[in-house]
Amino acid sequence: MKQKFMVDKILYDCLKKNFPKEKIPKLIDKLGYGSFRTWDSLAHLNLLMLIEKKFKFKFKFDQMLNIKTIKEIKKIVKNK
């Protein structure tokens, strides 16, 4: 349970940092590419790179192309 909370907290913080002008809901699982007007392709790439930095791992190239939601990101992070 603690690990789930920590992953959620870190991802929430990444979203806040990457989208400072947006109101980030506490439940982030349903968020994804395009959830905010400012969540375009460049912001999506920046978010993925920020997540890599925070969790100290690299997404595979095909993962970076296919990831669209926070739920998908959480699944990958938890398997690292």
PDB file of N, CA and C in Angstrom:
ATOM      1  N   MET A   1       0.825  -1.203   0.000  1.00  0.00           N
ATOM      2  CA  MET A   1       0.000   0.000   0.000  1.00  0.00           C
ATOM      3  C   MET A   1       0.861   1.255   0.000  1.00  0.00           C
ATOM      4  N   LYS A   2       1.953   1.221   0.777  1.00  0.00           N
ATOM      5  CA  LYS A   2       2.828   2.383   0.843  1.00  0.00           C
ATOM      6  C   LYS A   2       3.429   2.689  -0.527  1.00  0.00           C
ATOM      7  N   GLN A   3       3.845   1.625  -1.250  1.00  0.00           N
ATOM      8  CA  GLN A   3       4.429   1.836  -2.564  1.00  0.00           C
ATOM      9  C   GLN A   3       3.420   2.484  -3.509  1.00  0.00           C
ATOM     10  N   LYS A   4       2.169   2.029  -3.481  1.00  0.00           N
ATOM     11  CA  LYS A   4       1.124   2.612  -4.329  1.00  0.00           C
ATOM     12  C   LYS A   4       0.945   4.088  -4.010  1.00  0.00           C
ATOM     13  N   PHE A   5       0.919   4.414  -2.713  1.00  0.00           N
ATOM     14  CA  PHE A   5       0.773   5.810  -2.317  1.00  0.00           C
ATOM     15  C   PHE A   5       1.949   6.637  -2.821  1.00  0.00           C
ATOM     16  N   MET A   6       3.158   6.109  -2.695  1.00  0.00           N
ATOM     17  CA  MET A   6       4.347   6.851  -3.123  1.00  0.00           C
ATOM     18  C   MET A   6       4.349   7.063  -4.634  1.00  0.00           C
ATOM     19  N   VAL A   7       3.997   6.045  -5.400  1.00  0.00           N
ATOM     20  CA  VAL A   7       3.935   6.184  -6.857  1.00  0.00           C
ATOM     21  C   VAL A   7       2.902   7.239  -7.225  1.00  0.00           C
ATOM     22  N   ASP A   8       1.721   7.166  -6.637  1.00  0.00           N
ATOM     23  CA  ASP A   8       0.676   8.157  -6.906  1.00  0.00           C
ATOM     24  C   ASP A   8       1.142   9.565  -6.553  1.00  0.00           C
ATOM     25  N   LYS A   9       1.787   9.715  -5.407  1.00  0.00           N
ATOM     26  CA  LYS A   9       2.259  11.028  -4.947  1.00  0.00           C
ATOM     27  C   LYS A   9       3.298  11.603  -5.910  1.00  0.00           C
ATOM     28  N   ILE A  10       4.246  10.770  -6.310  1.00  0.00           N
ATOM     29  CA  ILE A  10       5.296  11.243  -7.224  1.00  0.00           C
ATOM     30  C   ILE A  10       4.696  11.614  -8.581  1.00  0.00           C
ATOM     31  N   LEU A  11       3.789  10.787  -9.094  1.00  0.00           N
ATOM     32  CA  LEU A  11       3.147  11.109 -10.373  1.00  0.00           C
ATOM     33  C   LEU A  11       2.307  12.385 -10.266  1.00  0.00           C
ATOM     34  N   TYR A  12       1.602  12.543  -9.162  1.00  0.00           N
ATOM     35  CA  TYR A  12       0.816  13.759  -8.929  1.00  0.00           C
ATOM     36  C   TYR A  12       1.738  14.986  -8.940  1.00  0.00           C
ATOM     37  N   ASP A  13       2.871  14.875  -8.249  1.00  0.00           N
ATOM     38  CA  ASP A  13       3.828  15.984  -8.209  1.00  0.00           C
ATOM     39  C   ASP A  13       4.396  16.281  -9.603  1.00  0.00           C
ATOM     40  N   CYS A  14       4.644  15.238 -10.393  1.00  0.00           N
ATOM     41  CA  CYS A  14       5.124  15.431 -11.765  1.00  0.00           C
ATOM     42  C   CYS A  14       4.083  16.169 -12.602  1.00  0.00           C
ATOM     43  N   LEU A  15       2.826  15.785 -12.444  1.00  0.00           N
ATOM     44  CA  LEU A  15       1.753  16.475 -13.170  1.00  0.00           C
ATOM     45  C   LEU A  15       1.674  17.939 -12.757  1.00  0.00           C
ATOM     46  N   LYS A  16       1.768  18.220 -11.460  1.00  0.00           N
ATOM     47  CA  LYS A  16       1.713  19.607 -10.965  1.00  0.00           C
ATOM     48  C   LYS A  16       2.867  20.426 -11.541  1.00  0.00           C
ATOM     49  N   LYS A  17       4.041  19.821 -11.594  1.00  0.00           N
ATOM     50  CA  LYS A  17       5.211  20.540 -12.102  1.00  0.00           C
ATOM     51  C   LYS A  17       5.112  20.766 -13.615  1.00  0.00           C
ATOM     52  N   ASN A  18       4.637  19.758 -14.319  1.00  0.00           N
ATOM     53  CA  ASN A  18       4.575  19.842 -15.774  1.00  0.00           C
ATOM     54  C   ASN A  18       3.416  20.703 -16.268  1.00  0.00           C
ATOM     55  N   PHE A  19       2.346  20.766 -15.478  1.00  0.00           N
ATOM     56  CA  PHE A  19       1.160  21.539 -15.845  1.00  0.00           C
ATOM     57  C   PHE A  19       0.792  22.509 -14.717  1.00  0.00           C
ATOM     58  N   PRO A  20       1.634  23.513 -14.467  1.00  0.00           N
ATOM     59  CA  PRO A  20       1.444  24.395 -13.308  1.00  0.00           C
ATOM     60  C   PRO A  20       0.158  25.223 -13.342  1.00  0.00           C
ATOM     61  N   LYS A  21      -0.395  25.458 -14.509  1.00  0.00           N
ATOM     62  CA  LYS A  21      -1.595  26.296 -14.602  1.00  0.00           C
ATOM     63  C   LYS A  21      -2.887  25.476 -14.563  1.00  0.00           C
ATOM     64  N   GLU A  22      -2.752  24.163 -14.511  1.00  0.00           N
ATOM     65  CA  GLU A  22      -3.935  23.290 -14.536  1.00  0.00           C
ATOM     66  C   GLU A  22      -4.310  22.843 -13.130  1.00  0.00           C
ATOM     67  N   LYS A  23      -5.582  22.572 -12.922  1.00  0.00           N
ATOM     68  CA  LYS A  23      -6.062  22.032 -11.652  1.00  0.00           C
ATOM     69  C   LYS A  23      -5.993  20.503 -11.766  1.00  0.00           C
ATOM     70  N   ILE A  24      -5.077  19.913 -11.022  1.00  0.00           N
ATOM     71  CA  ILE A  24      -4.857  18.469 -11.079  1.00  0.00           C
ATOM     72  C   ILE A  24      -5.755  17.795 -10.039  1.00  0.00           C
ATOM     73  N   PRO A  25      -6.631  16.884 -10.471  1.00  0.00           N
ATOM     74  CA  PRO A  25      -7.491  16.195  -9.499  1.00  0.00           C
ATOM     75  C   PRO A  25      -6.678  15.224  -8.641  1.00  0.00           C
ATOM     76  N   LYS A  26      -7.190  14.925  -7.468  1.00  0.00           N
ATOM     77  CA  LYS A  26      -6.505  13.971  -6.579  1.00  0.00           C
ATOM     78  C   LYS A  26      -6.465  12.569  -7.178  1.00  0.00           C
ATOM     79  N   LEU A  27      -7.533  12.185  -7.883  1.00  0.00           N
ATOM     80  CA  LEU A  27      -7.570  10.876  -8.540  1.00  0.00           C
ATOM     81  C   LEU A  27      -7.071  11.053  -9.974  1.00  0.00           C
ATOM     82  N   ILE A  28      -5.851  10.594 -10.215  1.00  0.00           N
ATOM     83  CA  ILE A  28      -5.183  10.885 -11.484  1.00  0.00           C
ATOM     84  C   ILE A  28      -5.244   9.754 -12.501  1.00  0.00           C
ATOM     85  N   ASP A  29      -5.752   8.583 -12.118  1.00  0.00           N
ATOM     86  CA  ASP A  29      -5.723   7.413 -13.003  1.00  0.00           C
ATOM     87  C   ASP A  29      -6.389   7.634 -14.356  1.00  0.00           C
ATOM     88  N   LYS A  30      -7.430   8.438 -14.409  1.00  0.00           N
ATOM     89  CA  LYS A  30      -8.162   8.635 -15.663  1.00  0.00           C
ATOM     90  C   LYS A  30      -7.571   9.740 -16.533  1.00  0.00           C
ATOM     91  N   LEU A  31      -6.540  10.417 -16.037  1.00  0.00           N
ATOM     92  CA  LEU A  31      -5.914  11.475 -16.824  1.00  0.00           C
ATOM     93  C   LEU A  31      -5.050  10.869 -17.919  1.00  0.00           C
ATOM     94  N   GLY A  32      -4.936  11.596 -19.017  1.00  0.00           N
ATOM     95  CA  GLY A  32      -4.094  11.146 -20.113  1.00  0.00           C
ATOM     96  C   GLY A  32      -3.851  12.256 -21.106  1.00  0.00           C
ATOM     97  N   TYR A  33      -3.108  11.906 -22.122  1.00  0.00           N
ATOM     98  CA  TYR A  33      -2.788  12.845 -23.194  1.00  0.00           C
ATOM     99  C   TYR A  33      -4.063  13.559 -23.648  1.00  0.00           C
ATOM    100  N   GLY A  34      -4.045  14.878 -23.596  1.00  0.00           N
ATOM    101  CA  GLY A  34      -5.192  15.670 -24.018  1.00  0.00           C
ATOM    102  C   GLY A  34      -6.193  15.992 -22.916  1.00  0.00           C
ATOM    103  N   SER A  35      -5.944  15.516 -21.693  1.00  0.00           N
ATOM    104  CA  SER A  35      -6.877  15.804 -20.588  1.00  0.00           C
ATOM    105  C   SER A  35      -6.965  17.296 -20.296  1.00  0.00           C
ATOM    106  N   PHE A  36      -5.881  18.012 -20.557  1.00  0.00           N
ATOM    107  CA  PHE A  36      -5.855  19.467 -20.389  1.00  0.00           C
ATOM    108  C   PHE A  36      -5.549  20.076 -21.742  1.00  0.00           C
ATOM    109  N   ARG A  37      -5.966  21.282 -21.929  1.00  0.00           N
ATOM    110  CA  ARG A  37      -5.681  21.995 -23.178  1.00  0.00           C
ATOM    111  C   ARG A  37      -4.172  22.104 -23.406  1.00  0.00           C
ATOM    112  N   THR A  38      -3.429  22.211 -22.310  1.00  0.00           N
ATOM    113  CA  THR A  38      -1.979  22.365 -22.408  1.00  0.00           C
ATOM    114  C   THR A  38      -1.230  21.034 -22.545  1.00  0.00           C
ATOM    115  N   TRP A  39      -1.969  19.907 -22.488  1.00  0.00           N
ATOM    116  CA  TRP A  39      -1.327  18.595 -22.581  1.00  0.00           C
ATOM    117  C   TRP A  39      -1.245  18.185 -24.050  1.00  0.00           C
ATOM    118  N   ASP A  40      -0.261  18.762 -24.729  1.00  0.00           N
ATOM    119  CA  ASP A  40      -0.035  18.439 -26.136  1.00  0.00           C
ATOM    120  C   ASP A  40       1.134  17.455 -26.239  1.00  0.00           C
ATOM    121  N   SER A  41       1.593  17.188 -27.443  1.00  0.00           N
ATOM    122  CA  SER A  41       2.638  16.175 -27.636  1.00  0.00           C
ATOM    123  C   SER A  41       3.950  16.561 -26.944  1.00  0.00           C
ATOM    124  N   LEU A  42       4.320  17.821 -26.986  1.00  0.00           N
ATOM    125  CA  LEU A  42       5.553  18.250 -26.328  1.00  0.00           C
ATOM    126  C   LEU A  42       5.433  18.167 -24.810  1.00  0.00           C
ATOM    127  N   ALA A  43       4.313  18.578 -24.268  1.00  0.00           N
ATOM    128  CA  ALA A  43       4.089  18.482 -22.822  1.00  0.00           C
ATOM    129  C   ALA A  43       4.067  17.017 -22.385  1.00  0.00           C
ATOM    130  N   HIS A  44       3.536  16.147 -23.230  1.00  0.00           N
ATOM    131  CA  HIS A  44       3.489  14.718 -22.923  1.00  0.00           C
ATOM    132  C   HIS A  44       4.913  14.155 -22.848  1.00  0.00           C
ATOM    133  N   LEU A  45       5.733  14.506 -23.808  1.00  0.00           N
ATOM    134  CA  LEU A  45       7.130  14.060 -23.809  1.00  0.00           C
ATOM    135  C   LEU A  45       7.868  14.600 -22.586  1.00  0.00           C
ATOM    136  N   ASN A  46       7.657  15.857 -22.258  1.00  0.00           N
ATOM    137  CA  ASN A  46       8.285  16.454 -21.075  1.00  0.00           C
ATOM    138  C   ASN A  46       7.847  15.747 -19.799  1.00  0.00           C
ATOM    139  N   LEU A  47       6.570  15.373 -19.720  1.00  0.00           N
ATOM    140  CA  LEU A  47       6.073  14.652 -18.557  1.00  0.00           C
ATOM    141  C   LEU A  47       6.762  13.293 -18.443  1.00  0.00           C
ATOM    142  N   LEU A  48       6.859  12.569 -19.540  1.00  0.00           N
ATOM    143  CA  LEU A  48       7.512  11.257 -19.508  1.00  0.00           C
ATOM    144  C   LEU A  48       8.974  11.373 -19.093  1.00  0.00           C
ATOM    145  N   MET A  49       9.667  12.386 -19.577  1.00  0.00           N
ATOM    146  CA  MET A  49      11.069  12.577 -19.190  1.00  0.00           C
ATOM    147  C   MET A  49      11.199  12.946 -17.710  1.00  0.00           C
ATOM    148  N   LEU A  50      10.281  13.737 -17.200  1.00  0.00           N
ATOM    149  CA  LEU A  50      10.274  14.084 -15.787  1.00  0.00           C
ATOM    150  C   LEU A  50      10.035  12.833 -14.933  1.00  0.00           C
ATOM    151  N   ILE A  51       9.118  11.992 -15.361  1.00  0.00           N
ATOM    152  CA  ILE A  51       8.836  10.742 -14.645  1.00  0.00           C
ATOM    153  C   ILE A  51      10.066   9.834 -14.658  1.00  0.00           C
ATOM    154  N   GLU A  52      10.745   9.755 -15.793  1.00  0.00           N
ATOM    155  CA  GLU A  52      11.986   8.967 -15.863  1.00  0.00           C
ATOM    156  C   GLU A  52      13.004   9.470 -14.841  1.00  0.00           C
ATOM    157  N   LYS A  53      13.137  10.767 -14.758  1.00  0.00           N
ATOM    158  CA  LYS A  53      14.094  11.359 -13.822  1.00  0.00           C
ATOM    159  C   LYS A  53      13.716  11.053 -12.372  1.00  0.00           C
ATOM    160  N   LYS A  54      12.451  11.210 -12.034  1.00  0.00           N
ATOM    161  CA  LYS A  54      11.996  10.988 -10.650  1.00  0.00           C
ATOM    162  C   LYS A  54      12.120   9.531 -10.223  1.00  0.00           C
ATOM    163  N   PHE A  55      11.825   8.601 -11.135  1.00  0.00           N
ATOM    164  CA  PHE A  55      11.852   7.179 -10.794  1.00  0.00           C
ATOM    165  C   PHE A  55      13.176   6.509 -11.169  1.00  0.00           C
ATOM    166  N   LYS A  56      14.082   7.283 -11.784  1.00  0.00           N
ATOM    167  CA  LYS A  56      15.419   6.805 -12.137  1.00  0.00           C
ATOM    168  C   LYS A  56      15.399   5.558 -13.030  1.00  0.00           C
ATOM    169  N   PHE A  57      14.660   5.656 -14.116  1.00  0.00           N
ATOM    170  CA  PHE A  57      14.652   4.612 -15.138  1.00  0.00           C
ATOM    171  C   PHE A  57      14.288   5.255 -16.473  1.00  0.00           C
ATOM    172  N   LYS A  58      14.438   4.495 -17.547  1.00  0.00           N
ATOM    173  CA  LYS A  58      14.100   4.984 -18.880  1.00  0.00           C
ATOM    174  C   LYS A  58      12.982   4.133 -19.473  1.00  0.00           C
ATOM    175  N   PHE A  59      11.994   4.798 -20.051  1.00  0.00           N
ATOM    176  CA  PHE A  59      10.976   4.095 -20.811  1.00  0.00           C
ATOM    177  C   PHE A  59      11.618   3.548 -22.078  1.00  0.00           C
ATOM    178  N   LYS A  60      11.142   2.411 -22.552  1.00  0.00           N
ATOM    179  CA  LYS A  60      11.567   1.908 -23.853  1.00  0.00           C
ATOM    180  C   LYS A  60      10.950   2.805 -24.915  1.00  0.00           C
ATOM    181  N   PHE A  61      11.589   2.837 -26.073  1.00  0.00           N
ATOM    182  CA  PHE A  61      11.126   3.712 -27.151  1.00  0.00           C
ATOM    183  C   PHE A  61       9.674   3.425 -27.516  1.00  0.00           C
ATOM    184  N   ASP A  62       9.328   2.149 -27.670  1.00  0.00           N
ATOM    185  CA  ASP A  62       7.946   1.809 -28.047  1.00  0.00           C
ATOM    186  C   ASP A  62       6.962   2.187 -26.939  1.00  0.00           C
ATOM    187  N   GLN A  63       7.395   2.145 -25.689  1.00  0.00           N
ATOM    188  CA  GLN A  63       6.530   2.584 -24.591  1.00  0.00           C
ATOM    189  C   GLN A  63       6.254   4.081 -24.705  1.00  0.00           C
ATOM    190  N   MET A  64       7.293   4.841 -24.993  1.00  0.00           N
ATOM    191  CA  MET A  64       7.110   6.302 -25.100  1.00  0.00           C
ATOM    192  C   MET A  64       6.140   6.657 -26.225  1.00  0.00           C
ATOM    193  N   LEU A  65       6.146   5.868 -27.274  1.00  0.00           N
ATOM    194  CA  LEU A  65       5.234   6.135 -28.395  1.00  0.00           C
ATOM    195  C   LEU A  65       3.799   5.750 -28.071  1.00  0.00           C
ATOM    196  N   ASN A  66       3.621   4.745 -27.210  1.00  0.00           N
ATOM    197  CA  ASN A  66       2.288   4.189 -26.981  1.00  0.00           C
ATOM    198  C   ASN A  66       1.615   4.623 -25.688  1.00  0.00           C
ATOM    199  N   ILE A  67       2.362   5.110 -24.722  1.00  0.00           N
ATOM    200  CA  ILE A  67       1.772   5.523 -23.446  1.00  0.00           C
ATOM    201  C   ILE A  67       0.874   6.740 -23.675  1.00  0.00           C
ATOM    202  N   LYS A  68      -0.347   6.636 -23.176  1.00  0.00           N
ATOM    203  CA  LYS A  68      -1.295   7.754 -23.329  1.00  0.00           C
ATOM    204  C   LYS A  68      -1.938   8.171 -22.016  1.00  0.00           C
ATOM    205  N   THR A  69      -1.923   7.300 -20.997  1.00  0.00           N
ATOM    206  CA  THR A  69      -2.627   7.611 -19.753  1.00  0.00           C
ATOM    207  C   THR A  69      -1.729   7.434 -18.523  1.00  0.00           C
ATOM    208  N   ILE A  70      -2.122   8.073 -17.447  1.00  0.00           N
ATOM    209  CA  ILE A  70      -1.410   7.914 -16.179  1.00  0.00           C
ATOM    210  C   ILE A  70      -1.530   6.475 -15.692  1.00  0.00           C
ATOM    211  N   LYS A  71      -2.658   5.857 -15.933  1.00  0.00           N
ATOM    212  CA  LYS A  71      -2.837   4.458 -15.527  1.00  0.00           C
ATOM    213  C   LYS A  71      -1.796   3.564 -16.207  1.00  0.00           C
ATOM    214  N   GLU A  72      -1.534   3.791 -17.489  1.00  0.00           N
ATOM    215  CA  GLU A  72      -0.508   3.033 -18.209  1.00  0.00           C
ATOM    216  C   GLU A  72       0.879   3.313 -17.637  1.00  0.00           C
ATOM    217  N   ILE A  73       1.135   4.574 -17.312  1.00  0.00           N
ATOM    218  CA  ILE A  73       2.427   4.948 -16.731  1.00  0.00           C
ATOM    219  C   ILE A  73       2.620   4.247 -15.392  1.00  0.00           C
ATOM    220  N   LYS A  74       1.578   4.241 -14.556  1.00  0.00           N
ATOM    221  CA  LYS A  74       1.661   3.595 -13.244  1.00  0.00           C
ATOM    222  C   LYS A  74       1.978   2.108 -13.381  1.00  0.00           C
ATOM    223  N   LYS A  75       1.368   1.462 -14.338  1.00  0.00           N
ATOM    224  CA  LYS A  75       1.596   0.040 -14.550  1.00  0.00           C
ATOM    225  C   LYS A  75       3.067  -0.219 -14.886  1.00  0.00           C
ATOM    226  N   ILE A  76       3.636   0.601 -15.737  1.00  0.00           N
ATOM    227  CA  ILE A  76       5.049   0.446 -16.114  1.00  0.00           C
ATOM    228  C   ILE A  76       5.960   0.732 -14.933  1.00  0.00           C
ATOM    229  N   VAL A  77       5.698   1.813 -14.222  1.00  0.00           N
ATOM    230  CA  VAL A  77       6.530   2.216 -13.078  1.00  0.00           C
ATOM    231  C   VAL A  77       6.534   1.137 -12.011  1.00  0.00           C
ATOM    232  N   LYS A  78       5.372   0.567 -11.734  1.00  0.00           N
ATOM    233  CA  LYS A  78       5.269  -0.448 -10.676  1.00  0.00           C
ATOM    234  C   LYS A  78       5.997  -1.741 -11.034  1.00  0.00           C
ATOM    235  N   ASN A  79       6.217  -1.968 -12.342  1.00  0.00           N
ATOM    236  CA  ASN A  79       6.926  -3.168 -12.774  1.00  0.00           C
ATOM    237  C   ASN A  79       8.434  -2.961 -12.868  1.00  0.00           C
ATOM    238  N   LYS A  80       8.904  -1.797 -12.528  1.00  0.00           N
ATOM    239  CA  LYS A  80      10.359  -1.501 -12.562  1.00  0.00           C
ATOM    240  C   LYS A  80      11.005  -1.853 -11.258  1.00  0.00           C
TER     241      LYS A  80
END
